[in-house]
Amino acid sequence: MTDEQLKAMAESNARSIQALTDSVRELREGIAESRQEYLRDRAQLYSLMADLTQNQSRIYRVLENLDRRQGEIVEVVKLVTQRLDEKKQ
């Protein structure tokens, strides 16, 4: 092999090594970005879960209040019905 051929091979190898190094760097940057995105998404998910839990708690309080009020309405209807029956007699 001549000096020129060795020099050409060395340059080719250097370009290949540089291209591989650049690819590895890009891959690492992509992995770092993906990790940051994952961590952001995970934090948002926990935030949404916390909001959901609070909203569920509110819904249960509203349902409890509704149940109590329905009971009161039933009692009022019973009293009205009873008084109407008494007036008929």
PDB file of N, CA and C in Angstrom:
ATOM      1  N   MET A   1       0.839  -1.172   0.000  1.00  0.00           N
ATOM      2  CA  MET A   1       0.000   0.000   0.000  1.00  0.00           C
ATOM      3  C   MET A   1       0.884   1.235   0.000  1.00  0.00           C
ATOM      4  N   THR A   2       0.525   2.180  -0.804  1.00  0.00           N
ATOM      5  CA  THR A   2       1.339   3.382  -0.918  1.00  0.00           C
ATOM      6  C   THR A   2       0.971   4.369   0.175  1.00  0.00           C
ATOM      7  N   ASP A   3       1.831   5.348   0.324  1.00  0.00           N
ATOM      8  CA  ASP A   3       1.567   6.396   1.314  1.00  0.00           C
ATOM      9  C   ASP A   3       0.259   7.123   1.019  1.00  0.00           C
ATOM     10  N   GLU A   4      -0.011   7.360  -0.242  1.00  0.00           N
ATOM     11  CA  GLU A   4      -1.246   8.051  -0.635  1.00  0.00           C
ATOM     12  C   GLU A   4      -2.474   7.215  -0.283  1.00  0.00           C
ATOM     13  N   GLN A   5      -2.360   5.922  -0.502  1.00  0.00           N
ATOM     14  CA  GLN A   5      -3.479   5.038  -0.177  1.00  0.00           C
ATOM     15  C   GLN A   5      -3.711   4.989   1.330  1.00  0.00           C
ATOM     16  N   LEU A   6      -2.603   4.933   2.086  1.00  0.00           N
ATOM     17  CA  LEU A   6      -2.721   4.940   3.545  1.00  0.00           C
ATOM     18  C   LEU A   6      -3.316   6.254   4.041  1.00  0.00           C
ATOM     19  N   LYS A   7      -2.852   7.338   3.435  1.00  0.00           N
ATOM     20  CA  LYS A   7      -3.360   8.660   3.806  1.00  0.00           C
ATOM     21  C   LYS A   7      -4.859   8.752   3.485  1.00  0.00           C
ATOM     22  N   ALA A   8      -5.279   8.264   2.332  1.00  0.00           N
ATOM     23  CA  ALA A   8      -6.686   8.274   1.933  1.00  0.00           C
ATOM     24  C   ALA A   8      -7.510   7.401   2.874  1.00  0.00           C
ATOM     25  N   MET A   9      -6.955   6.246   3.256  1.00  0.00           N
ATOM     26  CA  MET A   9      -7.650   5.354   4.174  1.00  0.00           C
ATOM     27  C   MET A   9      -7.776   5.990   5.555  1.00  0.00           C
ATOM     28  N   ALA A  10      -6.718   6.650   6.015  1.00  0.00           N
ATOM     29  CA  ALA A  10      -6.744   7.317   7.314  1.00  0.00           C
ATOM     30  C   ALA A  10      -7.778   8.439   7.315  1.00  0.00           C
ATOM     31  N   GLU A  11      -7.841   9.205   6.236  1.00  0.00           N
ATOM     32  CA  GLU A  11      -8.821  10.287   6.128  1.00  0.00           C
ATOM     33  C   GLU A  11     -10.248   9.729   6.096  1.00  0.00           C
ATOM     34  N   SER A  12     -10.422   8.643   5.377  1.00  0.00           N
ATOM     35  CA  SER A  12     -11.737   8.002   5.303  1.00  0.00           C
ATOM     36  C   SER A  12     -12.160   7.497   6.683  1.00  0.00           C
ATOM     37  N   ASN A  13     -11.184   6.869   7.367  1.00  0.00           N
ATOM     38  CA  ASN A  13     -11.472   6.388   8.723  1.00  0.00           C
ATOM     39  C   ASN A  13     -11.783   7.550   9.671  1.00  0.00           C
ATOM     40  N   ALA A  14     -11.060   8.634   9.524  1.00  0.00           N
ATOM     41  CA  ALA A  14     -11.300   9.806  10.375  1.00  0.00           C
ATOM     42  C   ALA A  14     -12.702  10.355  10.129  1.00  0.00           C
ATOM     43  N   ARG A  15     -13.105  10.424   8.854  1.00  0.00           N
ATOM     44  CA  ARG A  15     -14.462  10.898   8.529  1.00  0.00           C
ATOM     45  C   ARG A  15     -15.516   9.955   9.108  1.00  0.00           C
ATOM     46  N   SER A  16     -15.262   8.670   9.015  1.00  0.00           N
ATOM     47  CA  SER A  16     -16.204   7.676   9.555  1.00  0.00           C
ATOM     48  C   SER A  16     -16.315   7.798  11.077  1.00  0.00           C
ATOM     49  N   ILE A  17     -15.157   7.959  11.726  1.00  0.00           N
ATOM     50  CA  ILE A  17     -15.142   8.127  13.182  1.00  0.00           C
ATOM     51  C   ILE A  17     -15.882   9.402  13.572  1.00  0.00           C
ATOM     52  N   GLN A  18     -15.660  10.488  12.846  1.00  0.00           N
ATOM     53  CA  GLN A  18     -16.335  11.750  13.131  1.00  0.00           C
ATOM     54  C   GLN A  18     -17.848  11.607  12.940  1.00  0.00           C
ATOM     55  N   ALA A  19     -18.254  10.935  11.852  1.00  0.00           N
ATOM     56  CA  ALA A  19     -19.680  10.721  11.593  1.00  0.00           C
ATOM     57  C   ALA A  19     -20.301   9.878  12.701  1.00  0.00           C
ATOM     58  N   LEU A  20     -19.599   8.839  13.138  1.00  0.00           N
ATOM     59  CA  LEU A  20     -20.085   7.996  14.221  1.00  0.00           C
ATOM     60  C   LEU A  20     -20.172   8.786  15.522  1.00  0.00           C
ATOM     61  N   THR A  21     -19.152   9.593  15.802  1.00  0.00           N
ATOM     62  CA  THR A  21     -19.149  10.430  17.006  1.00  0.00           C
ATOM     63  C   THR A  21     -20.331  11.402  16.984  1.00  0.00           C
ATOM     64  N   ASP A  22     -20.570  12.013  15.826  1.00  0.00           N
ATOM     65  CA  ASP A  22     -21.707  12.931  15.694  1.00  0.00           C
ATOM     66  C   ASP A  22     -23.027  12.203  15.905  1.00  0.00           C
ATOM     67  N   SER A  23     -23.141  11.008  15.357  1.00  0.00           N
ATOM     68  CA  SER A  23     -24.363  10.213  15.524  1.00  0.00           C
ATOM     69  C   SER A  23     -24.598   9.863  16.987  1.00  0.00           C
ATOM     70  N   VAL A  24     -23.536   9.458  17.667  1.00  0.00           N
ATOM     71  CA  VAL A  24     -23.643   9.121  19.093  1.00  0.00           C
ATOM     72  C   VAL A  24     -24.053  10.354  19.894  1.00  0.00           C
ATOM     73  N   ARG A  25     -23.471  11.527  19.576  1.00  0.00           N
ATOM     74  CA  ARG A  25     -23.800  12.765  20.270  1.00  0.00           C
ATOM     75  C   ARG A  25     -25.286  13.106  20.064  1.00  0.00           C
ATOM     76  N   GLU A  26     -25.750  13.002  18.817  1.00  0.00           N
ATOM     77  CA  GLU A  26     -27.153  13.273  18.524  1.00  0.00           C
ATOM     78  C   GLU A  26     -28.072  12.304  19.256  1.00  0.00           C
ATOM     79  N   LEU A  27     -27.669  11.046  19.288  1.00  0.00           N
ATOM     80  CA  LEU A  27     -28.450  10.043  19.996  1.00  0.00           C
ATOM     81  C   LEU A  27     -28.538  10.378  21.484  1.00  0.00           C
ATOM     82  N   ARG A  28     -27.416  10.746  22.077  1.00  0.00           N
ATOM     83  CA  ARG A  28     -27.409  11.111  23.497  1.00  0.00           C
ATOM     84  C   ARG A  28     -28.273  12.333  23.766  1.00  0.00           C
ATOM     85  N   GLU A  29     -28.202  13.329  22.870  1.00  0.00           N
ATOM     86  CA  GLU A  29     -29.036  14.521  23.025  1.00  0.00           C
ATOM     87  C   GLU A  29     -30.516  14.153  22.919  1.00  0.00           C
ATOM     88  N   GLY A  30     -30.828  13.281  21.976  1.00  0.00           N
ATOM     89  CA  GLY A  30     -32.211  12.816  21.818  1.00  0.00           C
ATOM     90  C   GLY A  30     -32.702  12.085  23.049  1.00  0.00           C
ATOM     91  N   ILE A  31     -31.842  11.259  23.618  1.00  0.00           N
ATOM     92  CA  ILE A  31     -32.204  10.525  24.830  1.00  0.00           C
ATOM     93  C   ILE A  31     -32.424  11.510  25.978  1.00  0.00           C
ATOM     94  N   ALA A  32     -31.561  12.495  26.107  1.00  0.00           N
ATOM     95  CA  ALA A  32     -31.703  13.494  27.175  1.00  0.00           C
ATOM     96  C   ALA A  32     -33.006  14.273  27.003  1.00  0.00           C
ATOM     97  N   GLU A  33     -33.329  14.658  25.769  1.00  0.00           N
ATOM     98  CA  GLU A  33     -34.581  15.381  25.514  1.00  0.00           C
ATOM     99  C   GLU A  33     -35.788  14.500  25.819  1.00  0.00           C
ATOM    100  N   SER A  34     -35.700  13.236  25.422  1.00  0.00           N
ATOM    101  CA  SER A  34     -36.798  12.300  25.691  1.00  0.00           C
ATOM    102  C   SER A  34     -37.003  12.115  27.184  1.00  0.00           C
ATOM    103  N   ARG A  35     -35.910  12.051  27.916  1.00  0.00           N
ATOM    104  CA  ARG A  35     -36.006  11.895  29.370  1.00  0.00           C
ATOM    105  C   ARG A  35     -36.660  13.116  29.997  1.00  0.00           C
ATOM    106  N   GLN A  36     -36.264  14.308  29.558  1.00  0.00           N
ATOM    107  CA  GLN A  36     -36.868  15.539  30.090  1.00  0.00           C
ATOM    108  C   GLN A  36     -38.362  15.590  29.763  1.00  0.00           C
ATOM    109  N   GLU A  37     -38.710  15.201  28.554  1.00  0.00           N
ATOM    110  CA  GLU A  37     -40.112  15.171  28.151  1.00  0.00           C
ATOM    111  C   GLU A  37     -40.891  14.160  29.000  1.00  0.00           C
ATOM    112  N   TYR A  38     -40.283  13.007  29.228  1.00  0.00           N
ATOM    113  CA  TYR A  38     -40.906  11.980  30.069  1.00  0.00           C
ATOM    114  C   TYR A  38     -41.138  12.509  31.482  1.00  0.00           C
ATOM    115  N   LEU A  39     -40.141  13.157  32.048  1.00  0.00           N
ATOM    116  CA  LEU A  39     -40.277  13.689  33.404  1.00  0.00           C
ATOM    117  C   LEU A  39     -41.353  14.772  33.473  1.00  0.00           C
ATOM    118  N   ARG A  40     -41.414  15.626  32.441  1.00  0.00           N
ATOM    119  CA  ARG A  40     -42.463  16.660  32.369  1.00  0.00           C
ATOM    120  C   ARG A  40     -43.848  16.020  32.288  1.00  0.00           C
ATOM    121  N   ASP A  41     -43.980  15.033  31.406  1.00  0.00           N
ATOM    122  CA  ASP A  41     -45.264  14.348  31.238  1.00  0.00           C
ATOM    123  C   ASP A  41     -45.677  13.641  32.526  1.00  0.00           C
ATOM    124  N   ARG A  42     -44.715  13.050  33.186  1.00  0.00           N
ATOM    125  CA  ARG A  42     -45.004  12.346  34.443  1.00  0.00           C
ATOM    126  C   ARG A  42     -45.483  13.317  35.511  1.00  0.00           C
ATOM    127  N   ALA A  43     -44.839  14.462  35.599  1.00  0.00           N
ATOM    128  CA  ALA A  43     -45.263  15.473  36.576  1.00  0.00           C
ATOM    129  C   ALA A  43     -46.665  15.973  36.247  1.00  0.00           C
ATOM    130  N   GLN A  44     -46.945  16.178  34.961  1.00  0.00           N
ATOM    131  CA  GLN A  44     -48.289  16.617  34.559  1.00  0.00           C
ATOM    132  C   GLN A  44     -49.329  15.548  34.883  1.00  0.00           C
ATOM    133  N   LEU A  45     -48.973  14.293  34.693  1.00  0.00           N
ATOM    134  CA  LEU A  45     -49.893  13.204  35.011  1.00  0.00           C
ATOM    135  C   LEU A  45     -50.228  13.200  36.497  1.00  0.00           C
ATOM    136  N   TYR A  46     -49.218  13.348  37.344  1.00  0.00           N
ATOM    137  CA  TYR A  46     -49.475  13.380  38.786  1.00  0.00           C
ATOM    138  C   TYR A  46     -50.338  14.587  39.159  1.00  0.00           C
ATOM    139  N   SER A  47     -50.111  15.699  38.498  1.00  0.00           N
ATOM    140  CA  SER A  47     -50.924  16.887  38.747  1.00  0.00           C
ATOM    141  C   SER A  47     -52.377  16.633  38.348  1.00  0.00           C
ATOM    142  N   LEU A  48     -52.568  16.020  37.190  1.00  0.00           N
ATOM    143  CA  LEU A  48     -53.926  15.694  36.746  1.00  0.00           C
ATOM    144  C   LEU A  48     -54.605  14.703  37.687  1.00  0.00           C
ATOM    145  N   MET A  49     -53.839  13.741  38.171  1.00  0.00           N
ATOM    146  CA  MET A  49     -54.397  12.771  39.118  1.00  0.00           C
ATOM    147  C   MET A  49     -54.816  13.451  40.421  1.00  0.00           C
ATOM    148  N   ALA A  50     -54.032  14.401  40.869  1.00  0.00           N
ATOM    149  CA  ALA A  50     -54.375  15.147  42.082  1.00  0.00           C
ATOM    150  C   ALA A  50     -55.645  15.960  41.853  1.00  0.00           C
ATOM    151  N   ASP A  51     -55.745  16.619  40.696  1.00  0.00           N
ATOM    152  CA  ASP A  51     -56.958  17.379  40.372  1.00  0.00           C
ATOM    153  C   ASP A  51     -58.171  16.462  40.305  1.00  0.00           C
ATOM    154  N   LEU A  52     -58.008  15.313  39.693  1.00  0.00           N
ATOM    155  CA  LEU A  52     -59.099  14.355  39.586  1.00  0.00           C
ATOM    156  C   LEU A  52     -59.573  13.919  40.973  1.00  0.00           C
ATOM    157  N   THR A  53     -58.633  13.645  41.849  1.00  0.00           N
ATOM    158  CA  THR A  53     -58.983  13.232  43.209  1.00  0.00           C
ATOM    159  C   THR A  53     -59.764  14.322  43.920  1.00  0.00           C
ATOM    160  N   GLN A  54     -59.340  15.566  43.788  1.00  0.00           N
ATOM    161  CA  GLN A  54     -60.062  16.676  44.414  1.00  0.00           C
ATOM    162  C   GLN A  54     -61.463  16.804  43.834  1.00  0.00           C
ATOM    163  N   ASN A  55     -61.571  16.669  42.518  1.00  0.00           N
ATOM    164  CA  ASN A  55     -62.882  16.779  41.877  1.00  0.00           C
ATOM    165  C   ASN A  55     -63.805  15.639  42.283  1.00  0.00           C
ATOM    166  N   GLN A  56     -63.255  14.447  42.420  1.00  0.00           N
ATOM    167  CA  GLN A  56     -64.067  13.317  42.888  1.00  0.00           C
ATOM    168  C   GLN A  56     -64.578  13.584  44.297  1.00  0.00           C
ATOM    169  N   SER A  57     -63.733  14.135  45.137  1.00  0.00           N
ATOM    170  CA  SER A  57     -64.137  14.464  46.501  1.00  0.00           C
ATOM    171  C   SER A  57     -65.284  15.465  46.489  1.00  0.00           C
ATOM    172  N   ARG A  58     -65.184  16.486  45.626  1.00  0.00           N
ATOM    173  CA  ARG A  58     -66.265  17.477  45.511  1.00  0.00           C
ATOM    174  C   ARG A  58     -67.560  16.829  45.037  1.00  0.00           C
ATOM    175  N   ILE A  59     -67.434  15.930  44.061  1.00  0.00           N
ATOM    176  CA  ILE A  59     -68.624  15.252  43.543  1.00  0.00           C
ATOM    177  C   ILE A  59     -69.308  14.453  44.651  1.00  0.00           C
ATOM    178  N   TYR A  60     -68.528  13.759  45.467  1.00  0.00           N
ATOM    179  CA  TYR A  60     -69.119  12.977  46.551  1.00  0.00           C
ATOM    180  C   TYR A  60     -69.815  13.883  47.566  1.00  0.00           C
ATOM    181  N   ARG A  61     -69.247  15.053  47.825  1.00  0.00           N
ATOM    182  CA  ARG A  61     -69.917  15.992  48.739  1.00  0.00           C
ATOM    183  C   ARG A  61     -71.226  16.492  48.144  1.00  0.00           C
ATOM    184  N   VAL A  62     -71.214  16.781  46.836  1.00  0.00           N
ATOM    185  CA  VAL A  62     -72.434  17.234  46.166  1.00  0.00           C
ATOM    186  C   VAL A  62     -73.489  16.130  46.205  1.00  0.00           C
ATOM    187  N   LEU A  63     -73.081  14.897  45.937  1.00  0.00           N
ATOM    188  CA  LEU A  63     -74.024  13.779  45.977  1.00  0.00           C
ATOM    189  C   LEU A  63     -74.587  13.575  47.372  1.00  0.00           C
ATOM    190  N   GLU A  64     -73.747  13.732  48.371  1.00  0.00           N
ATOM    191  CA  GLU A  64     -74.210  13.610  49.756  1.00  0.00           C
ATOM    192  C   GLU A  64     -75.243  14.695  50.052  1.00  0.00           C
ATOM    193  N   ASN A  65     -74.955  15.926  49.621  1.00  0.00           N
ATOM    194  CA  ASN A  65     -75.874  17.043  49.830  1.00  0.00           C
ATOM    195  C   ASN A  65     -77.181  16.797  49.073  1.00  0.00           C
ATOM    196  N   LEU A  66     -77.099  16.314  47.856  1.00  0.00           N
ATOM    197  CA  LEU A  66     -78.268  16.018  47.046  1.00  0.00           C
ATOM    198  C   LEU A  66     -79.126  14.949  47.711  1.00  0.00           C
ATOM    199  N   ASP A  67     -78.484  13.922  48.225  1.00  0.00           N
ATOM    200  CA  ASP A  67     -79.204  12.850  48.905  1.00  0.00           C
ATOM    201  C   ASP A  67     -79.950  13.404  50.122  1.00  0.00           C
ATOM    202  N   ARG A  68     -79.295  14.252  50.881  1.00  0.00           N
ATOM    203  CA  ARG A  68     -79.926  14.852  52.059  1.00  0.00           C
ATOM    204  C   ARG A  68     -81.114  15.716  51.639  1.00  0.00           C
ATOM    205  N   ARG A  69     -80.930  16.513  50.602  1.00  0.00           N
ATOM    206  CA  ARG A  69     -82.010  17.395  50.140  1.00  0.00           C
ATOM    207  C   ARG A  69     -83.177  16.600  49.566  1.00  0.00           C
ATOM    208  N   GLN A  70     -82.873  15.518  48.883  1.00  0.00           N
ATOM    209  CA  GLN A  70     -83.962  14.678  48.379  1.00  0.00           C
ATOM    210  C   GLN A  70     -84.780  14.123  49.531  1.00  0.00           C
ATOM    211  N   GLY A  71     -84.082  13.733  50.601  1.00  0.00           N
ATOM    212  CA  GLY A  71     -84.785  13.254  51.797  1.00  0.00           C
ATOM    213  C   GLY A  71     -85.675  14.339  52.374  1.00  0.00           C
ATOM    214  N   GLU A  72     -85.188  15.571  52.410  1.00  0.00           N
ATOM    215  CA  GLU A  72     -85.991  16.689  52.917  1.00  0.00           C
ATOM    216  C   GLU A  72     -87.202  16.934  52.024  1.00  0.00           C
ATOM    217  N   ILE A  73     -87.023  16.853  50.711  1.00  0.00           N
ATOM    218  CA  ILE A  73     -88.122  17.064  49.767  1.00  0.00           C
ATOM    219  C   ILE A  73     -89.186  15.985  49.959  1.00  0.00           C
ATOM    220  N   VAL A  74     -88.759  14.752  50.145  1.00  0.00           N
ATOM    221  CA  VAL A  74     -89.704  13.657  50.371  1.00  0.00           C
ATOM    222  C   VAL A  74     -90.522  13.929  51.626  1.00  0.00           C
ATOM    223  N   GLU A  75     -89.862  14.407  52.673  1.00  0.00           N
ATOM    224  CA  GLU A  75     -90.575  14.722  53.921  1.00  0.00           C
ATOM    225  C   GLU A  75     -91.582  15.850  53.706  1.00  0.00           C
ATOM    226  N   VAL A  76     -91.224  16.871  52.944  1.00  0.00           N
ATOM    227  CA  VAL A  76     -92.130  17.979  52.663  1.00  0.00           C
ATOM    228  C   VAL A  76     -93.327  17.481  51.854  1.00  0.00           C
ATOM    229  N   VAL A  77     -93.071  16.642  50.856  1.00  0.00           N
ATOM    230  CA  VAL A  77     -94.157  16.088  50.045  1.00  0.00           C
ATOM    231  C   VAL A  77     -95.093  15.252  50.915  1.00  0.00           C
ATOM    232  N   LYS A  78     -94.543  14.485  51.849  1.00  0.00           N
ATOM    233  CA  LYS A  78     -95.374  13.694  52.765  1.00  0.00           C
ATOM    234  C   LYS A  78     -96.261  14.597  53.601  1.00  0.00           C
ATOM    235  N   LEU A  79     -95.667  15.678  54.131  1.00  0.00           N
ATOM    236  CA  LEU A  79     -96.457  16.607  54.952  1.00  0.00           C
ATOM    237  C   LEU A  79     -97.552  17.275  54.133  1.00  0.00           C
ATOM    238  N   VAL A  80     -97.226  17.719  52.929  1.00  0.00           N
ATOM    239  CA  VAL A  80     -98.226  18.362  52.069  1.00  0.00           C
ATOM    240  C   VAL A  80     -99.343  17.376  51.744  1.00  0.00           C
ATOM    241  N   THR A  81     -98.968  16.166  51.390  1.00  0.00           N
ATOM    242  CA  THR A  81     -99.965  15.135  51.075  1.00  0.00           C
ATOM    243  C   THR A  81    -100.849  14.853  52.284  1.00  0.00           C
ATOM    244  N   GLN A  82    -100.219  14.761  53.442  1.00  0.00           N
ATOM    245  CA  GLN A  82    -100.962  14.495  54.681  1.00  0.00           C
ATOM    246  C   GLN A  82    -101.944  15.628  54.968  1.00  0.00           C
ATOM    247  N   ARG A  83    -101.537  16.853  54.817  1.00  0.00           N
ATOM    248  CA  ARG A  83    -102.417  18.003  55.070  1.00  0.00           C
ATOM    249  C   ARG A  83    -103.549  18.065  54.052  1.00  0.00           C
ATOM    250  N   LEU A  84    -103.235  17.753  52.789  1.00  0.00           N
ATOM    251  CA  LEU A  84    -104.277  17.730  51.769  1.00  0.00           C
ATOM    252  C   LEU A  84    -105.310  16.643  52.091  1.00  0.00           C
ATOM    253  N   ASP A  85    -104.806  15.484  52.537  1.00  0.00           N
ATOM    254  CA  ASP A  85    -105.714  14.398  52.923  1.00  0.00           C
ATOM    255  C   ASP A  85    -106.574  14.828  54.097  1.00  0.00           C
ATOM    256  N   GLU A  86    -105.985  15.532  55.067  1.00  0.00           N
ATOM    257  CA  GLU A  86    -106.729  15.989  56.240  1.00  0.00           C
ATOM    258  C   GLU A  86    -107.806  16.987  55.844  1.00  0.00           C
ATOM    259  N   LYS A  87    -107.530  17.850  54.885  1.00  0.00           N
ATOM    260  CA  LYS A  87    -108.504  18.855  54.428  1.00  0.00           C
ATOM    261  C   LYS A  87    -109.664  18.189  53.685  1.00  0.00           C
ATOM    262  N   LYS A  88    -109.378  17.082  53.008  1.00  0.00           N
ATOM    263  CA  LYS A  88    -110.430  16.366  52.289  1.00  0.00           C
ATOM    264  C   LYS A  88    -111.424  15.738  53.246  1.00  0.00           C
ATOM    265  N   GLN A  89    -110.952  15.392  54.400  1.00  0.00           N
ATOM    266  CA  GLN A  89    -111.808  14.689  55.373  1.00  0.00           C
ATOM    267  C   GLN A  89    -112.628  15.626  56.122  1.00  0.00           C
TER     268      GLN A  89
END
